[in-house]
C-alpha atoms as a PDB file:
ATOM      1  CA  UNK A   1      14.305   1.868 -17.631  1.00  0.00           C
ATOM      2  CA  UNK A   2      15.757   4.672 -15.529  1.00  0.00           C
ATOM      3  CA  UNK A   3      13.136   5.740 -12.970  1.00  0.00           C
ATOM      4  CA  UNK A   4      15.016   8.778 -11.597  1.00  0.00           C
ATOM      5  CA  UNK A   5      14.131   8.048  -7.968  1.00  0.00           C
ATOM      6  CA  UNK A   6      17.635   8.509  -6.546  1.00  0.00           C
ATOM      7  CA  UNK A   7      17.686  10.174  -3.108  1.00  0.00           C
ATOM      8  CA  UNK A   8      13.967  10.875  -3.142  1.00  0.00           C
ATOM      9  CA  UNK A   9      12.395  10.595   0.311  1.00  0.00           C
ATOM     10  CA  UNK A  10       9.322   8.380   0.000  1.00  0.00           C
ATOM     11  CA  UNK A  11       7.045   7.330   2.855  1.00  0.00           C
ATOM     12  CA  UNK A  12       5.840   3.717   2.808  1.00  0.00           C
ATOM     13  CA  UNK A  13       3.268   2.912   5.485  1.00  0.00           C
ATOM     14  CA  UNK A  14       3.296  -0.692   6.605  1.00  0.00           C
ATOM     15  CA  UNK A  15       6.676  -1.024   4.934  1.00  0.00           C
ATOM     16  CA  UNK A  16       8.000  -3.730   7.254  1.00  0.00           C
ATOM     17  CA  UNK A  17       5.985  -6.687   5.983  1.00  0.00           C
ATOM     18  CA  UNK A  18       4.607  -8.263   2.827  1.00  0.00           C
ATOM     19  CA  UNK A  19       3.782  -5.902  -0.021  1.00  0.00           C
ATOM     20  CA  UNK A  20       5.141  -2.923   1.899  1.00  0.00           C
ATOM     21  CA  UNK A  21       8.505  -4.586   2.402  1.00  0.00           C
ATOM     22  CA  UNK A  22       8.611  -5.457  -1.293  1.00  0.00           C
ATOM     23  CA  UNK A  23       8.021  -1.809  -2.147  1.00  0.00           C
ATOM     24  CA  UNK A  24      10.757  -0.626   0.208  1.00  0.00           C
ATOM     25  CA  UNK A  25      13.290  -3.071  -1.238  1.00  0.00           C
ATOM     26  CA  UNK A  26      12.401  -2.099  -4.810  1.00  0.00           C
ATOM     27  CA  UNK A  27      12.766   1.589  -4.004  1.00  0.00           C
ATOM     28  CA  UNK A  28      16.162   0.830  -2.469  1.00  0.00           C
ATOM     29  CA  UNK A  29      17.214  -0.779  -5.754  1.00  0.00           C
ATOM     30  CA  UNK A  30      16.230   2.452  -7.479  1.00  0.00           C
ATOM     31  CA  UNK A  31      18.244   4.579  -5.053  1.00  0.00           C
ATOM     32  CA  UNK A  32      15.315   6.138  -3.198  1.00  0.00           C
ATOM     33  CA  UNK A  33      15.239   6.714   0.556  1.00  0.00           C
ATOM     34  CA  UNK A  34      12.260   4.828   1.950  1.00  0.00           C
ATOM     35  CA  UNK A  35      10.765   5.867   5.262  1.00  0.00           C
ATOM     36  CA  UNK A  36       8.969   2.925   6.839  1.00  0.00           C
ATOM     37  CA  UNK A  37       6.063   3.920   9.067  1.00  0.00           C
ATOM     38  CA  UNK A  38       4.676   1.093  11.192  1.00  0.00           C
ATOM     39  CA  UNK A  39       3.804   0.080  14.704  1.00  0.00           C
ATOM     40  CA  UNK A  40       6.592  -2.426  15.393  1.00  0.00           C
ATOM     41  CA  UNK A  41      10.075  -0.956  15.761  1.00  0.00           C
ATOM     42  CA  UNK A  42      11.861  -4.312  15.518  1.00  0.00           C
ATOM     43  CA  UNK A  43      10.069  -5.173  12.272  1.00  0.00           C
ATOM     44  CA  UNK A  44      10.765  -1.707  10.862  1.00  0.00           C
ATOM     45  CA  UNK A  45      14.449  -1.915  11.722  1.00  0.00           C
ATOM     46  CA  UNK A  46      14.779  -5.405  10.229  1.00  0.00           C
ATOM     47  CA  UNK A  47      13.832  -4.008   6.816  1.00  0.00           C
ATOM     48  CA  UNK A  48      16.026  -0.942   7.307  1.00  0.00           C
ATOM     49  CA  UNK A  49      18.921  -3.355   7.902  1.00  0.00           C
ATOM     50  CA  UNK A  50      18.063  -5.250   4.699  1.00  0.00           C
ATOM     51  CA  UNK A  51      18.165  -1.999   2.752  1.00  0.00           C
ATOM     52  CA  UNK A  52      21.509  -1.024   4.282  1.00  0.00           C
ATOM     53  CA  UNK A  53      22.896  -4.469   3.411  1.00  0.00           C
ATOM     54  CA  UNK A  54      21.974  -3.687  -0.203  1.00  0.00           C
ATOM     55  CA  UNK A  55      23.944  -0.452   0.033  1.00  0.00           C
ATOM     56  CA  UNK A  56      20.799   1.653   0.185  1.00  0.00           C
ATOM     57  CA  UNK A  57      19.275   4.166   2.579  1.00  0.00           C
ATOM     58  CA  UNK A  58      16.168   3.814   4.716  1.00  0.00           C
ATOM     59  CA  UNK A  59      14.650   5.338   7.824  1.00  0.00           C
ATOM     60  CA  UNK A  60      11.863   4.238  10.135  1.00  0.00           C
ATOM     61  CA  UNK A  61       9.246   5.859  12.335  1.00  0.00           C
ATOM     62  CA  UNK A  62       7.186   3.952  14.877  1.00  0.00           C
ATOM     63  CA  UNK A  63       3.533   4.925  14.675  1.00  0.00           C
ATOM     64  CA  UNK A  64       0.125   3.432  15.363  1.00  0.00           C
ATOM     65  CA  UNK A  65      -1.522   4.597  12.169  1.00  0.00           C
ATOM     66  CA  UNK A  66      -5.054   4.292  13.542  1.00  0.00           C
ATOM     67  CA  UNK A  67      -4.224   7.345  15.686  1.00  0.00           C
ATOM     68  CA  UNK A  68      -4.576  10.843  14.256  1.00  0.00           C
ATOM     69  CA  UNK A  69      -1.914  12.162  16.606  1.00  0.00           C
ATOM     70  CA  UNK A  70       0.519   9.380  15.649  1.00  0.00           C
ATOM     71  CA  UNK A  71       0.103  10.076  11.925  1.00  0.00           C
ATOM     72  CA  UNK A  72       0.783  13.764  12.483  1.00  0.00           C
ATOM     73  CA  UNK A  73       3.811  13.014  14.666  1.00  0.00           C
ATOM     74  CA  UNK A  74       5.192  10.556  12.098  1.00  0.00           C
ATOM     75  CA  UNK A  75       5.107  13.137   9.321  1.00  0.00           C
ATOM     76  CA  UNK A  76       6.650  15.746  11.602  1.00  0.00           C
ATOM     77  CA  UNK A  77       9.471  13.334  12.484  1.00  0.00           C
ATOM     78  CA  UNK A  78      10.170  12.678   8.802  1.00  0.00           C
ATOM     79  CA  UNK A  79      10.127  16.392   8.044  1.00  0.00           C
ATOM     80  CA  UNK A  80      12.545  17.037  10.915  1.00  0.00           C
ATOM     81  CA  UNK A  81      14.910  14.304   9.706  1.00  0.00           C
ATOM     82  CA  UNK A  82      14.973  15.135   5.986  1.00  0.00           C
ATOM     83  CA  UNK A  83      13.342  18.528   5.485  1.00  0.00           C
ATOM     84  CA  UNK A  84      11.426  17.117   2.523  1.00  0.00           C
ATOM     85  CA  UNK A  85       8.963  14.434   1.444  1.00  0.00           C
ATOM     86  CA  UNK A  86       8.900  13.485  -2.240  1.00  0.00           C
ATOM     87  CA  UNK A  87       6.401  10.676  -2.401  1.00  0.00           C
ATOM     88  CA  UNK A  88       3.826   8.788  -0.337  1.00  0.00           C
ATOM     89  CA  UNK A  89       2.797   5.147  -0.572  1.00  0.00           C
ATOM     90  CA  UNK A  90      -0.276   4.396   1.533  1.00  0.00           C
ATOM     91  CA  UNK A  91      -0.084   0.655   2.046  1.00  0.00           C
ATOM     92  CA  UNK A  92      -0.778  -0.386   5.645  1.00  0.00           C
ATOM     93  CA  UNK A  93      -3.938  -2.343   6.393  1.00  0.00           C
ATOM     94  CA  UNK A  94      -5.387  -5.723   7.225  1.00  0.00           C
ATOM     95  CA  UNK A  95      -8.342  -7.781   6.028  1.00  0.00           C
ATOM     96  CA  UNK A  96      -9.780  -8.170   9.510  1.00  0.00           C
ATOM     97  CA  UNK A  97     -13.041  -9.980   8.760  1.00  0.00           C
ATOM     98  CA  UNK A  98     -15.487  -7.437  10.181  1.00  0.00           C
ATOM     99  CA  UNK A  99     -18.660  -8.553   8.429  1.00  0.00           C
ATOM    100  CA  UNK A 100     -22.277  -7.467   8.424  1.00  0.00           C
ATOM    101  CA  UNK A 101     -23.455 -10.334  10.601  1.00  0.00           C
ATOM    102  CA  UNK A 102     -20.456 -10.874  12.835  1.00  0.00           C
ATOM    103  CA  UNK A 103     -19.430  -7.234  13.278  1.00  0.00           C
ATOM    104  CA  UNK A 104     -20.459  -4.313  15.435  1.00  0.00           C
ATOM    105  CA  UNK A 105     -20.426  -0.536  15.300  1.00  0.00           C
ATOM    106  CA  UNK A 106     -17.207  -0.427  17.299  1.00  0.00           C
ATOM    107  CA  UNK A 107     -15.442  -3.070  15.193  1.00  0.00           C
ATOM    108  CA  UNK A 108     -16.551  -1.466  11.924  1.00  0.00           C
ATOM    109  CA  UNK A 109     -15.309   1.986  12.902  1.00  0.00           C
ATOM    110  CA  UNK A 110     -12.038   0.580  14.282  1.00  0.00           C
ATOM    111  CA  UNK A 111     -11.464  -1.210  10.975  1.00  0.00           C
ATOM    112  CA  UNK A 112     -12.023   1.998   9.021  1.00  0.00           C
ATOM    113  CA  UNK A 113      -9.317   3.624  11.144  1.00  0.00           C
ATOM    114  CA  UNK A 114      -6.944   0.705  10.497  1.00  0.00           C
ATOM    115  CA  UNK A 115      -7.620   0.528   6.777  1.00  0.00           C
ATOM    116  CA  UNK A 116      -8.800   3.867   5.394  1.00  0.00           C
ATOM    117  CA  UNK A 117      -8.648   6.894   7.639  1.00  0.00           C
ATOM    118  CA  UNK A 118      -4.858   6.896   7.956  1.00  0.00           C
ATOM    119  CA  UNK A 119      -4.638   7.049   4.151  1.00  0.00           C
ATOM    120  CA  UNK A 120      -6.306  10.453   4.429  1.00  0.00           C
ATOM    121  CA  UNK A 121      -4.326  11.508   7.488  1.00  0.00           C
ATOM    122  CA  UNK A 122      -0.899  10.690   6.072  1.00  0.00           C
ATOM    123  CA  UNK A 123      -1.692  12.524   2.836  1.00  0.00           C
ATOM    124  CA  UNK A 124      -3.189  15.457   4.743  1.00  0.00           C
ATOM    125  CA  UNK A 125      -0.184  15.966   7.005  1.00  0.00           C
ATOM    126  CA  UNK A 126       2.402  15.346   4.269  1.00  0.00           C
ATOM    127  CA  UNK A 127       0.639  17.578   1.746  1.00  0.00           C
ATOM    128  CA  UNK A 128       2.672  20.793   2.219  1.00  0.00           C
ATOM    129  CA  UNK A 129       5.858  18.840   1.499  1.00  0.00           C
ATOM    130  CA  UNK A 130       4.298  16.976  -1.432  1.00  0.00           C
ATOM    131  CA  UNK A 131       3.147  20.283  -2.923  1.00  0.00           C
ATOM    132  CA  UNK A 132       6.669  21.665  -2.585  1.00  0.00           C
ATOM    133  CA  UNK A 133       8.190  18.619  -4.299  1.00  0.00           C
ATOM    134  CA  UNK A 134       5.271  17.723  -6.606  1.00  0.00           C
ATOM    135  CA  UNK A 135       5.570  14.336  -4.958  1.00  0.00           C
ATOM    136  CA  UNK A 136       3.197  11.629  -6.216  1.00  0.00           C
ATOM    137  CA  UNK A 137       0.880   9.503  -4.091  1.00  0.00           C
ATOM    138  CA  UNK A 138       0.254   5.799  -4.631  1.00  0.00           C
ATOM    139  CA  UNK A 139      -2.542   4.089  -2.711  1.00  0.00           C
ATOM    140  CA  UNK A 140      -2.489   0.312  -2.388  1.00  0.00           C
ATOM    141  CA  UNK A 141      -5.959  -1.200  -2.688  1.00  0.00           C
ATOM    142  CA  UNK A 142      -7.709  -4.540  -2.814  1.00  0.00           C
ATOM    143  CA  UNK A 143     -10.020  -6.362  -5.192  1.00  0.00           C
ATOM    144  CA  UNK A 144     -12.589  -6.609  -2.388  1.00  0.00           C
ATOM    145  CA  UNK A 145     -13.862  -3.142  -3.296  1.00  0.00           C
ATOM    146  CA  UNK A 146     -14.936  -4.440  -6.715  1.00  0.00           C
ATOM    147  CA  UNK A 147     -15.532  -8.164  -6.341  1.00  0.00           C
ATOM    148  CA  UNK A 148     -16.785  -8.484  -2.782  1.00  0.00           C
ATOM    149  CA  UNK A 149     -15.562 -11.350  -0.651  1.00  0.00           C
ATOM    150  CA  UNK A 150     -18.068 -11.985   2.110  1.00  0.00           C
ATOM    151  CA  UNK A 151     -17.741 -11.330   5.836  1.00  0.00           C
ATOM    152  CA  UNK A 152     -15.417  -8.377   5.412  1.00  0.00           C
ATOM    153  CA  UNK A 153     -17.664  -5.335   5.129  1.00  0.00           C
ATOM    154  CA  UNK A 154     -15.268  -2.915   6.790  1.00  0.00           C
ATOM    155  CA  UNK A 155     -12.263  -3.910   4.685  1.00  0.00           C
ATOM    156  CA  UNK A 156     -14.286  -3.806   1.463  1.00  0.00           C
ATOM    157  CA  UNK A 157     -15.680  -0.393   2.392  1.00  0.00           C
ATOM    158  CA  UNK A 158     -12.185   0.844   3.206  1.00  0.00           C
ATOM    159  CA  UNK A 159     -10.907  -0.244  -0.172  1.00  0.00           C
ATOM    160  CA  UNK A 160     -13.837   1.368  -1.932  1.00  0.00           C
ATOM    161  CA  UNK A 161     -12.836   4.519  -0.070  1.00  0.00           C
ATOM    162  CA  UNK A 162      -9.213   4.133  -1.157  1.00  0.00           C
ATOM    163  CA  UNK A 163     -10.313   3.976  -4.790  1.00  0.00           C
ATOM    164  CA  UNK A 164     -12.567   6.996  -4.366  1.00  0.00           C
ATOM    165  CA  UNK A 165      -9.877   9.021  -2.608  1.00  0.00           C
ATOM    166  CA  UNK A 166      -7.436   8.202  -5.403  1.00  0.00           C
ATOM    167  CA  UNK A 167      -9.750   9.764  -7.984  1.00  0.00           C
ATOM    168  CA  UNK A 168     -10.746  12.648  -5.711  1.00  0.00           C
ATOM    169  CA  UNK A 169      -7.171  13.581  -4.832  1.00  0.00           C
ATOM    170  CA  UNK A 170      -6.112  13.312  -8.467  1.00  0.00           C
ATOM    171  CA  UNK A 171      -8.628  16.081  -9.179  1.00  0.00           C
ATOM    172  CA  UNK A 172      -7.914  18.210  -6.117  1.00  0.00           C
ATOM    173  CA  UNK A 173      -4.160  18.098  -6.593  1.00  0.00           C
ATOM    174  CA  UNK A 174      -4.083  18.838 -10.328  1.00  0.00           C
ATOM    175  CA  UNK A 175      -3.157  22.512  -9.732  1.00  0.00           C
ATOM    176  CA  UNK A 176      -0.043  21.396  -7.835  1.00  0.00           C
ATOM    177  CA  UNK A 177       1.198  18.922 -10.421  1.00  0.00           C
ATOM    178  CA  UNK A 178       0.756  16.019  -8.031  1.00  0.00           C
ATOM    179  CA  UNK A 179      -0.215  12.684  -9.561  1.00  0.00           C
ATOM    180  CA  UNK A 180      -2.305  10.216  -7.551  1.00  0.00           C
ATOM    181  CA  UNK A 181      -2.828   6.588  -8.550  1.00  0.00           C
ATOM    182  CA  UNK A 182      -3.768   3.290  -6.951  1.00  0.00           C
ATOM    183  CA  UNK A 183      -2.426  -0.223  -7.365  1.00  0.00           C
ATOM    184  CA  UNK A 184      -5.187  -2.760  -6.803  1.00  0.00           C
ATOM    185  CA  UNK A 185      -4.109  -6.165  -5.529  1.00  0.00           C
ATOM    186  CA  UNK A 186      -6.048  -9.413  -5.809  1.00  0.00           C
ATOM    187  CA  UNK A 187      -4.131 -12.505  -4.686  1.00  0.00           C
ATOM    188  CA  UNK A 188      -0.596 -11.782  -3.470  1.00  0.00           C
ATOM    189  CA  UNK A 189       1.160 -14.177  -1.112  1.00  0.00           C
ATOM    190  CA  UNK A 190       2.325 -12.370   2.025  1.00  0.00           C
ATOM    191  CA  UNK A 191       2.899 -13.406   5.656  1.00  0.00           C
ATOM    192  CA  UNK A 192      -0.658 -12.325   6.486  1.00  0.00           C
ATOM    193  CA  UNK A 193      -2.004 -14.336   3.554  1.00  0.00           C
ATOM    194  CA  UNK A 194      -0.010 -17.351   4.699  1.00  0.00           C
ATOM    195  CA  UNK A 195      -1.473 -17.001   8.201  1.00  0.00           C
ATOM    196  CA  UNK A 196      -4.996 -16.933   6.725  1.00  0.00           C
ATOM    197  CA  UNK A 197      -4.404 -19.941   4.458  1.00  0.00           C
ATOM    198  CA  UNK A 198      -3.221 -21.965   7.431  1.00  0.00           C
ATOM    199  CA  UNK A 199      -6.597 -21.537   9.149  1.00  0.00           C
ATOM    200  CA  UNK A 200      -8.126 -24.032   6.676  1.00  0.00           C
ATOM    201  CA  UNK A 201      -8.162 -27.804   7.297  1.00  0.00           C
ATOM    202  CA  UNK A 202      -6.191 -28.401   4.081  1.00  0.00           C
ATOM    203  CA  UNK A 203      -4.152 -25.234   3.357  1.00  0.00           C
ATOM    204  CA  UNK A 204      -2.507 -26.651   0.215  1.00  0.00           C
ATOM    205  CA  UNK A 205      -5.857 -27.578  -1.316  1.00  0.00           C
ATOM    206  CA  UNK A 206      -7.326 -24.178  -0.450  1.00  0.00           C
ATOM    207  CA  UNK A 207      -4.356 -22.357  -1.983  1.00  0.00           C
ATOM    208  CA  UNK A 208      -4.614 -24.462  -5.142  1.00  0.00           C
ATOM    209  CA  UNK A 209      -8.325 -23.676  -5.464  1.00  0.00           C
ATOM    210  CA  UNK A 210      -7.483 -19.967  -5.368  1.00  0.00           C
ATOM    211  CA  UNK A 211      -4.572 -20.022  -7.800  1.00  0.00           C
ATOM    212  CA  UNK A 212      -6.657 -22.092 -10.236  1.00  0.00           C
ATOM    213  CA  UNK A 213      -8.953 -19.037 -10.549  1.00  0.00           C
ATOM    214  CA  UNK A 214      -6.185 -16.587 -11.461  1.00  0.00           C
ATOM    215  CA  UNK A 215      -6.352 -16.332 -15.267  1.00  0.00           C
ATOM    216  CA  UNK A 216      -2.742 -15.461 -16.062  1.00  0.00           C
ATOM    217  CA  UNK A 217      -0.370 -18.365 -15.390  1.00  0.00           C
ATOM    218  CA  UNK A 218      -2.567 -19.733 -12.576  1.00  0.00           C
ATOM    219  CA  UNK A 219      -0.324 -18.249  -9.901  1.00  0.00           C
ATOM    220  CA  UNK A 220      -0.283 -15.620  -7.200  1.00  0.00           C
ATOM    221  CA  UNK A 221       1.003 -12.130  -7.863  1.00  0.00           C
ATOM    222  CA  UNK A 222       4.344 -11.522  -6.153  1.00  0.00           C
ATOM    223  CA  UNK A 223       5.137  -8.601  -3.876  1.00  0.00           C
ATOM    224  CA  UNK A 224       7.927  -7.721  -6.298  1.00  0.00           C
ATOM    225  CA  UNK A 225       5.424  -7.372  -9.154  1.00  0.00           C
ATOM    226  CA  UNK A 226       3.322  -5.002  -7.056  1.00  0.00           C
ATOM    227  CA  UNK A 227       6.456  -3.073  -6.088  1.00  0.00           C
ATOM    228  CA  UNK A 228       7.563  -2.703  -9.707  1.00  0.00           C
ATOM    229  CA  UNK A 229       4.298  -0.962 -10.577  1.00  0.00           C
ATOM    230  CA  UNK A 230       4.444   1.245  -7.502  1.00  0.00           C
ATOM    231  CA  UNK A 231       7.977   2.365  -8.375  1.00  0.00           C
ATOM    232  CA  UNK A 232       6.871   3.153 -11.932  1.00  0.00           C
ATOM    233  CA  UNK A 233       3.922   5.225 -10.717  1.00  0.00           C
ATOM    234  CA  UNK A 234       6.187   7.133  -8.326  1.00  0.00           C
ATOM    235  CA  UNK A 235       8.605   7.909 -11.130  1.00  0.00           C
ATOM    236  CA  UNK A 236       8.545  10.539 -13.829  1.00  0.00           C
ATOM    237  CA  UNK A 237       8.322   7.692 -16.346  1.00  0.00           C
ATOM    238  CA  UNK A 238       4.581   7.796 -15.572  1.00  0.00           C
ATOM    239  CA  UNK A 239       4.487  11.570 -15.837  1.00  0.00           C
ATOM    240  CA  UNK A 240       1.049  11.776 -17.513  1.00  0.00           C
ATOM    241  CA  UNK A 241      -0.692   9.077 -15.472  1.00  0.00           C
ATOM    242  CA  UNK A 242      -3.054  10.178 -12.699  1.00  0.00           C
ATOM    243  CA  UNK A 243      -6.380   9.102 -11.226  1.00  0.00           C
ATOM    244  CA  UNK A 244      -5.859   5.511 -12.328  1.00  0.00           C
ATOM    245  CA  UNK A 245      -6.736   2.262 -10.553  1.00  0.00           C
ATOM    246  CA  UNK A 246      -4.058  -0.089 -11.878  1.00  0.00           C
ATOM    247  CA  UNK A 247      -4.829  -3.770 -11.351  1.00  0.00           C
ATOM    248  CA  UNK A 248      -1.721  -5.903 -10.913  1.00  0.00           C
ATOM    249  CA  UNK A 249      -3.574  -9.168 -10.465  1.00  0.00           C
ATOM    250  CA  UNK A 250      -2.989 -11.596 -13.331  1.00  0.00           C
ATOM    251  CA  UNK A 251      -6.376 -10.645 -14.753  1.00  0.00           C
ATOM    252  CA  UNK A 252      -8.280 -11.761 -11.657  1.00  0.00           C
ATOM    253  CA  UNK A 253     -10.760  -8.892 -11.500  1.00  0.00           C
ATOM    254  CA  UNK A 254     -11.419  -8.162 -15.163  1.00  0.00           C
ATOM    255  CA  UNK A 255     -10.914 -11.442 -17.005  1.00  0.00           C
ATOM    256  CA  UNK A 256     -13.380 -14.281 -16.916  1.00  0.00           C
ATOM    257  CA  UNK A 257     -12.157 -16.612 -14.169  1.00  0.00           C
ATOM    258  CA  UNK A 258     -13.620 -19.599 -15.962  1.00  0.00           C
ATOM    259  CA  UNK A 259     -10.707 -19.319 -18.411  1.00  0.00           C
END
């Protein structure tokens, strides 16, 4: 399927690791120009180098996304470099374990900044360019908004907000022909996931207990599978799809996990 993403400038926050890196590499395959926005320059550049080795184009901006000023500066830097923005993937975030019992006001608010508020800020500052290009927005979300997980109130609340913003922006941006969708992730193996698994006494047993509950093929979703859906939603092949929460999760959320 031809996705018609060649030379389109698409922002990917958190594009240097895990799901974000998978999205950047997939967009490179499709000929798009990914702009990685993340806090670590070395990590950003490592993925830029991977894209260049594939014969593709990529750019990076160093930004601490929990800062309003940094989000604004990142968009301004991208605008100065390219003069256009033709898509936005809000992806950066971390399941930081700020729960109801073990959290605090300060930790909860800090987590919202790390996981939700920059979704709004990046869209807000990029909006004039997205209106000009009719550039779509894809928000990456998590099952925690729908299933709960325990001891992660701030992350779950952030993901509930991501879902709500997806639907709200889809309505607000209808007059501009901008489509807004979300890809909801359940169990996808990333470096952060690997770090979490290794905190258990028997990581292999813990991982097996999780994959046993994934209905389709009893396996984790891959970053590539997430990236494939993101690329589709950014493309004009999904030209009449907006306001949708698309679950790429092997049936984890909506199928009976006793299957």
